[in-house]
Structures are given as structure tokens and as C-alpha cells.
Amino acid sequence: MKNNKNSNKKVVKKKKSLNKIGITVGLAAVIVLAAVVIALSVNGGKEEKQMIEDNVKVLVEMENGGEFVLELYPEYAPQTVQNFVDLVTDGFYDGVGFHRVVDGFMAQGGDPEGTGMGGSGVQIPGEFAANGFAQNTLSHTRGVISMARSQDPDSASSQFFICYDDASFLDGQYAAFGKVIEGMETVDAFLDVERTYNSMGEEASPVEPIVMKSVTIITE
């Protein structure tokens, strides 16, 4: 009988030990889960994405058969480049047009509504000097691509413009982030399209749509 009692005591002790281990493991699991939830909350439920550091080339093919190539410069405007590349990768710009074309100034596109009021639903910080971002020293010269925005400096979304001539008066006010390096004649040809006057009094609204058929990242 004594041996049985001792044996029973050992079993009870063993069960208690197992219970302690189970509680410890359970607490550890809860802590890990809490850490994951906190991390997801901090990152908006998304995995952190490594920002683009190298220049990116983008091929724009127009519905009329013309094409041009953009080179994007993250050294000047990293978040702006990242946003543009994300939209291109998602196919956002495919089928979207240029709704504002102004002689001697620029061609503006990237609005899915075609009214100058649309966007992607996501707004990005304005990476230019007047908004406290001094590293963007890219000047608005011929062929440079920059982000359009409203009066709010952090309202840029998907709309962009390409400069026809020197527009350095925009430097420090808008986020320039790349340049047309091939096919600028295709962008120049937008000026040959008949245009009507817009609400700003510009002869800038194309009568026939100027549409980007496909916008893709060039991989080398």
C-alpha cells in the first residue's frame, strides 16, 4: 500500500508539472500573438516594403502606337517613385489618358476619371522643398515628370505631368521624380490633337482622347 501511495503522489506531481508547462507555453503563445497583432497594427496590417533605391525605367505605350520611356529617380523623391511604380505594377494607368495638354507648358494625365479631379484613392506626402523636403533638387525642365496636386501639399495621388519646356518656376513647389529619356516626340505629338478650352481658360482639353494603352516596368 505504501508503494501505491508513493506512486500516486508521483503521478499527481507529474500532472502538476505538466499543467505548469502547459500554462507557460500558453502564455508564451499569447505574448507572441499579441506582438504580431501590434506589429500588424503599426504597419496597417501590411508587411513592410523595402523602398526602391535604384532608378526605374517605365515604358508607356499609347493607343495610337506611339511610345516613350520614363526614368524615375528615387534619390530625389523616394515615396513618389514608389507610389508611381506601385500603380504601374497594379496596371492602374492602363487605359488612362492625358486630359490636359498646354502648349509651351506640360501634358497632364493619370486621372482615371479624365476630369482632373480623380486619383487612386491614396495620397502621398509632397516631396518638395516648400513642404520641408529639401533633397528634391530635380528641376522642372523639358521632359521632366512631376506629380500634380491640389492646394494641399500632401494631396498628390496618381496624376502627373510632363514638362514641354522649362518650367523651373515650379521647382520646390511640386515633386519632380523622373524624366522622359526616349520618345519625347510622342509626348510632343499630343500638341497636334485638337483641343477645347477648359475651366481655367486654357486650350487644353483634347477632343479625341489621348490614351495610354499600357504602362509597364522595363526589366533588364
Protein backbone atom coordinates (compact mmCIF):
# COMPACT_ATOMS: atom_id res chain seq x y z
CA MET A 1 0.00 0.00 0.00
CA LYS A 2 2.82 2.40 0.82
CA ASN A 3 4.33 1.88 -2.58
CA ASN A 4 0.99 2.64 -4.22
CA LYS A 5 0.58 5.84 -2.22
CA ASN A 6 4.05 6.96 -3.19
CA SER A 7 3.30 6.11 -6.80
CA ASN A 8 0.08 8.11 -6.70
CA LYS A 9 1.92 11.10 -5.26
CA LYS A 10 4.43 10.95 -8.08
CA VAL A 11 1.63 10.88 -10.64
CA VAL A 12 -0.03 13.90 -9.04
CA LYS A 13 3.26 15.81 -9.01
CA LYS A 14 3.83 14.90 -12.65
CA LYS A 15 0.39 16.18 -13.61
CA LYS A 16 1.01 19.43 -11.75
CA SER A 17 4.32 19.85 -13.60
CA LEU A 18 2.62 19.22 -16.94
CA ASN A 19 -0.06 21.77 -16.05
CA LYS A 20 2.63 24.36 -15.28
CA ILE A 21 4.35 23.64 -18.59
CA GLY A 22 1.02 23.96 -20.41
CA ILE A 23 0.29 27.30 -18.75
CA THR A 24 3.79 28.59 -19.57
CA VAL A 25 3.51 27.54 -23.23
CA GLY A 26 0.04 29.06 -23.43
CA LEU A 27 1.23 32.37 -22.03
CA ALA A 28 4.15 32.40 -24.46
CA ALA A 29 1.76 31.82 -27.36
CA VAL A 30 -0.46 34.67 -26.19
CA ILE A 31 2.55 37.01 -25.94
CA VAL A 32 3.73 36.08 -29.45
CA LEU A 33 0.22 36.56 -30.84
CA ALA A 34 -0.07 39.94 -29.15
CA ALA A 35 3.27 41.01 -30.63
CA VAL A 36 2.08 40.01 -34.12
CA VAL A 37 -1.18 41.93 -33.68
CA ILE A 38 0.72 45.02 -32.52
CA ALA A 39 3.12 44.77 -35.46
CA LEU A 40 0.23 44.45 -37.91
CA SER A 41 -1.49 47.43 -36.32
CA VAL A 42 1.63 49.57 -36.58
CA ASN A 43 2.15 48.61 -40.23
CA GLY A 44 -1.51 48.89 -41.16
CA GLY A 45 -1.86 45.14 -41.50
CA LYS A 46 0.77 45.03 -44.25
CA GLU A 47 4.29 43.74 -44.43
CA GLU A 48 6.90 46.48 -44.54
CA LYS A 49 8.07 47.04 -48.11
CA GLN A 50 11.65 47.93 -48.91
CA MET A 51 11.77 51.27 -50.68
CA ILE A 52 13.10 51.45 -54.23
CA GLU A 53 16.68 52.73 -54.29
CA ASP A 54 17.77 52.34 -57.92
CA ASN A 55 16.47 54.22 -60.95
CA VAL A 56 13.47 52.58 -62.62
CA LYS A 57 12.57 52.67 -66.33
CA VAL A 58 8.94 52.66 -67.41
CA LEU A 59 7.60 52.03 -70.92
CA VAL A 60 4.43 53.91 -71.88
CA GLU A 61 2.67 52.57 -75.00
CA MET A 62 -0.07 54.78 -76.41
CA GLU A 63 -3.25 53.57 -78.10
CA ASN A 64 -2.19 55.30 -81.34
CA GLY A 65 1.01 53.23 -81.48
CA GLY A 66 3.42 55.82 -80.12
CA GLU A 67 5.56 55.14 -77.08
CA PHE A 68 8.01 56.77 -74.71
CA VAL A 69 10.26 55.74 -71.85
CA LEU A 70 10.45 57.34 -68.41
CA GLU A 71 13.34 57.02 -65.99
CA LEU A 72 12.38 57.52 -62.35
CA TYR A 73 14.83 58.90 -59.79
CA PRO A 74 14.20 57.78 -56.17
CA GLU A 75 17.20 59.80 -54.98
CA TYR A 76 15.05 62.92 -55.38
CA ALA A 77 11.60 61.65 -54.40
CA PRO A 78 11.60 58.09 -53.00
CA GLN A 79 7.96 57.83 -51.87
CA THR A 80 6.74 59.44 -55.07
CA VAL A 81 8.67 56.92 -57.17
CA GLN A 82 7.46 54.05 -55.00
CA ASN A 83 3.85 55.18 -55.40
CA PHE A 84 4.18 55.51 -59.18
CA VAL A 85 5.83 52.09 -59.52
CA ASP A 86 3.13 50.50 -57.35
CA LEU A 87 0.41 51.98 -59.57
CA VAL A 88 2.19 50.83 -62.74
CA THR A 89 2.63 47.32 -61.30
CA ASP A 90 -1.08 47.18 -60.45
CA GLY A 91 -1.99 48.17 -64.03
CA PHE A 92 -3.64 51.35 -62.77
CA TYR A 93 -2.52 53.52 -65.69
CA ASP A 94 -3.54 51.09 -68.45
CA GLY A 95 -6.35 52.73 -70.41
CA VAL A 96 -5.98 56.07 -68.61
CA GLY A 97 -5.39 59.22 -70.62
CA PHE A 98 -3.94 62.74 -70.71
CA HIS A 99 -6.76 65.20 -70.02
CA ARG A 100 -4.82 68.48 -70.05
CA VAL A 101 -2.29 69.44 -72.74
CA VAL A 102 -0.94 73.00 -72.72
CA ASP A 103 1.37 74.44 -75.40
CA GLY A 104 4.73 75.52 -74.02
CA PHE A 105 3.93 74.13 -70.59
CA MET A 106 3.02 70.49 -69.95
CA ALA A 107 0.83 67.42 -70.59
CA GLN A 108 -1.09 66.14 -67.56
CA GLY A 109 -2.53 62.65 -67.18
CA GLY A 110 -3.08 59.78 -64.77
CA ASP A 111 -6.67 60.64 -63.80
CA PRO A 112 -8.98 57.61 -64.21
CA GLU A 113 -11.97 59.99 -64.34
CA GLY A 114 -10.42 62.19 -67.02
CA THR A 115 -11.69 65.32 -65.29
CA GLY A 116 -8.62 66.43 -63.36
CA MET A 117 -10.37 65.55 -60.10
CA GLY A 118 -9.71 61.81 -59.84
CA GLY A 119 -6.96 59.74 -58.26
CA SER A 120 -6.01 56.32 -56.97
CA GLY A 121 -7.65 56.71 -53.56
CA VAL A 122 -4.24 57.04 -51.89
CA GLN A 123 -2.47 60.34 -51.26
CA ILE A 124 1.27 60.70 -50.66
CA PRO A 125 3.46 63.29 -48.90
CA GLY A 126 4.66 66.14 -51.10
CA GLU A 127 8.38 65.60 -51.61
CA PHE A 128 9.46 69.15 -52.46
CA ALA A 129 11.27 71.97 -50.67
CA ALA A 130 8.23 74.08 -49.80
CA ASN A 131 6.87 71.06 -47.93
CA GLY A 132 10.06 70.56 -45.92
CA PHE A 133 11.66 68.04 -48.28
CA ALA A 134 14.94 69.67 -49.29
CA GLN A 135 16.58 66.70 -51.03
CA ASN A 136 14.40 67.07 -54.14
CA THR A 137 16.52 69.34 -56.31
CA LEU A 138 15.33 67.96 -59.66
CA SER A 139 14.38 70.96 -61.82
CA HIS A 140 11.26 71.10 -63.99
CA THR A 141 12.98 71.21 -67.37
CA ARG A 142 11.83 69.76 -70.71
CA GLY A 143 10.84 66.10 -70.39
CA VAL A 144 10.75 66.03 -66.57
CA ILE A 145 7.80 64.23 -64.97
CA SER A 146 6.29 65.61 -61.77
CA MET A 147 3.25 65.00 -59.58
CA ALA A 148 0.11 67.10 -59.88
CA ARG A 149 -1.68 68.09 -56.68
CA SER A 150 -4.29 70.43 -55.20
CA GLN A 151 -3.56 73.30 -52.80
CA ASP A 152 -2.88 70.68 -50.13
CA PRO A 153 0.87 69.88 -50.37
CA ASP A 154 0.20 66.24 -49.42
CA SER A 155 -2.60 65.61 -51.92
CA ALA A 156 -0.70 64.01 -54.82
CA SER A 157 -2.14 60.65 -55.83
CA SER A 158 -1.94 59.30 -59.39
CA GLN A 159 -1.98 62.41 -61.58
CA PHE A 160 1.31 63.53 -63.09
CA PHE A 161 2.53 65.95 -65.74
CA ILE A 162 5.38 66.02 -68.25
CA CYS A 163 7.05 69.37 -68.99
CA TYR A 164 7.28 70.59 -72.59
CA ASP A 165 9.62 73.49 -71.85
CA ASP A 166 11.50 74.97 -68.92
CA ALA A 167 9.05 75.23 -66.01
CA SER A 168 11.61 75.89 -63.28
CA PHE A 169 9.14 78.26 -61.60
CA LEU A 170 7.56 75.03 -60.27
CA ASP A 171 10.80 73.94 -58.58
CA GLY A 172 10.36 73.42 -54.86
CA GLN A 173 6.56 73.51 -55.23
CA TYR A 174 5.89 70.16 -56.93
CA ALA A 175 7.53 66.75 -56.67
CA ALA A 176 9.56 66.15 -59.81
CA PHE A 177 10.63 62.49 -59.84
CA GLY A 178 11.83 61.43 -63.29
CA LYS A 179 12.31 62.27 -66.95
CA VAL A 180 11.38 61.12 -70.44
CA ILE A 181 14.60 59.60 -71.78
CA GLU A 182 13.23 58.17 -75.05
CA GLY A 183 10.32 59.08 -77.30
CA MET A 184 9.72 62.69 -76.26
CA GLU A 185 8.39 63.21 -79.79
CA THR A 186 5.42 61.04 -78.80
CA VAL A 187 4.61 63.43 -75.96
CA ASP A 188 5.14 66.40 -78.29
CA ALA A 189 2.58 64.88 -80.67
CA PHE A 190 -0.14 65.36 -78.02
CA LEU A 191 0.00 69.03 -79.05
CA ASP A 192 -1.22 68.11 -82.53
CA VAL A 193 -4.54 66.86 -81.14
CA GLU A 194 -7.43 69.34 -81.41
CA ARG A 195 -8.25 70.82 -78.00
CA THR A 196 -11.04 72.88 -76.48
CA TYR A 197 -10.92 75.39 -73.63
CA ASN A 198 -11.10 74.11 -70.06
CA SER A 199 -12.49 75.79 -66.94
CA MET A 200 -9.16 77.60 -66.43
CA GLY A 201 -9.35 79.25 -69.82
CA GLU A 202 -6.63 77.03 -71.31
CA GLU A 203 -6.97 75.49 -74.76
CA ALA A 204 -6.04 72.19 -73.21
CA SER A 205 -8.83 69.58 -73.30
CA PRO A 206 -8.27 67.01 -76.08
CA VAL A 207 -11.27 66.49 -78.39
CA GLU A 208 -10.09 62.95 -79.12
CA PRO A 209 -8.83 61.00 -76.07
CA ILE A 210 -5.05 60.66 -75.69
CA VAL A 211 -4.87 57.26 -74.00
CA MET A 212 -2.08 55.16 -72.51
CA LYS A 213 -2.73 51.62 -73.72
CA SER A 214 -0.11 50.01 -71.50
CA VAL A 215 2.33 51.23 -68.85
CA THR A 216 4.93 48.70 -67.70
CA ILE A 217 8.21 48.48 -65.80
CA ILE A 218 11.20 47.71 -68.03
CA THR A 219 13.22 44.83 -66.60
CA GLU A 220 16.78 44.46 -67.82
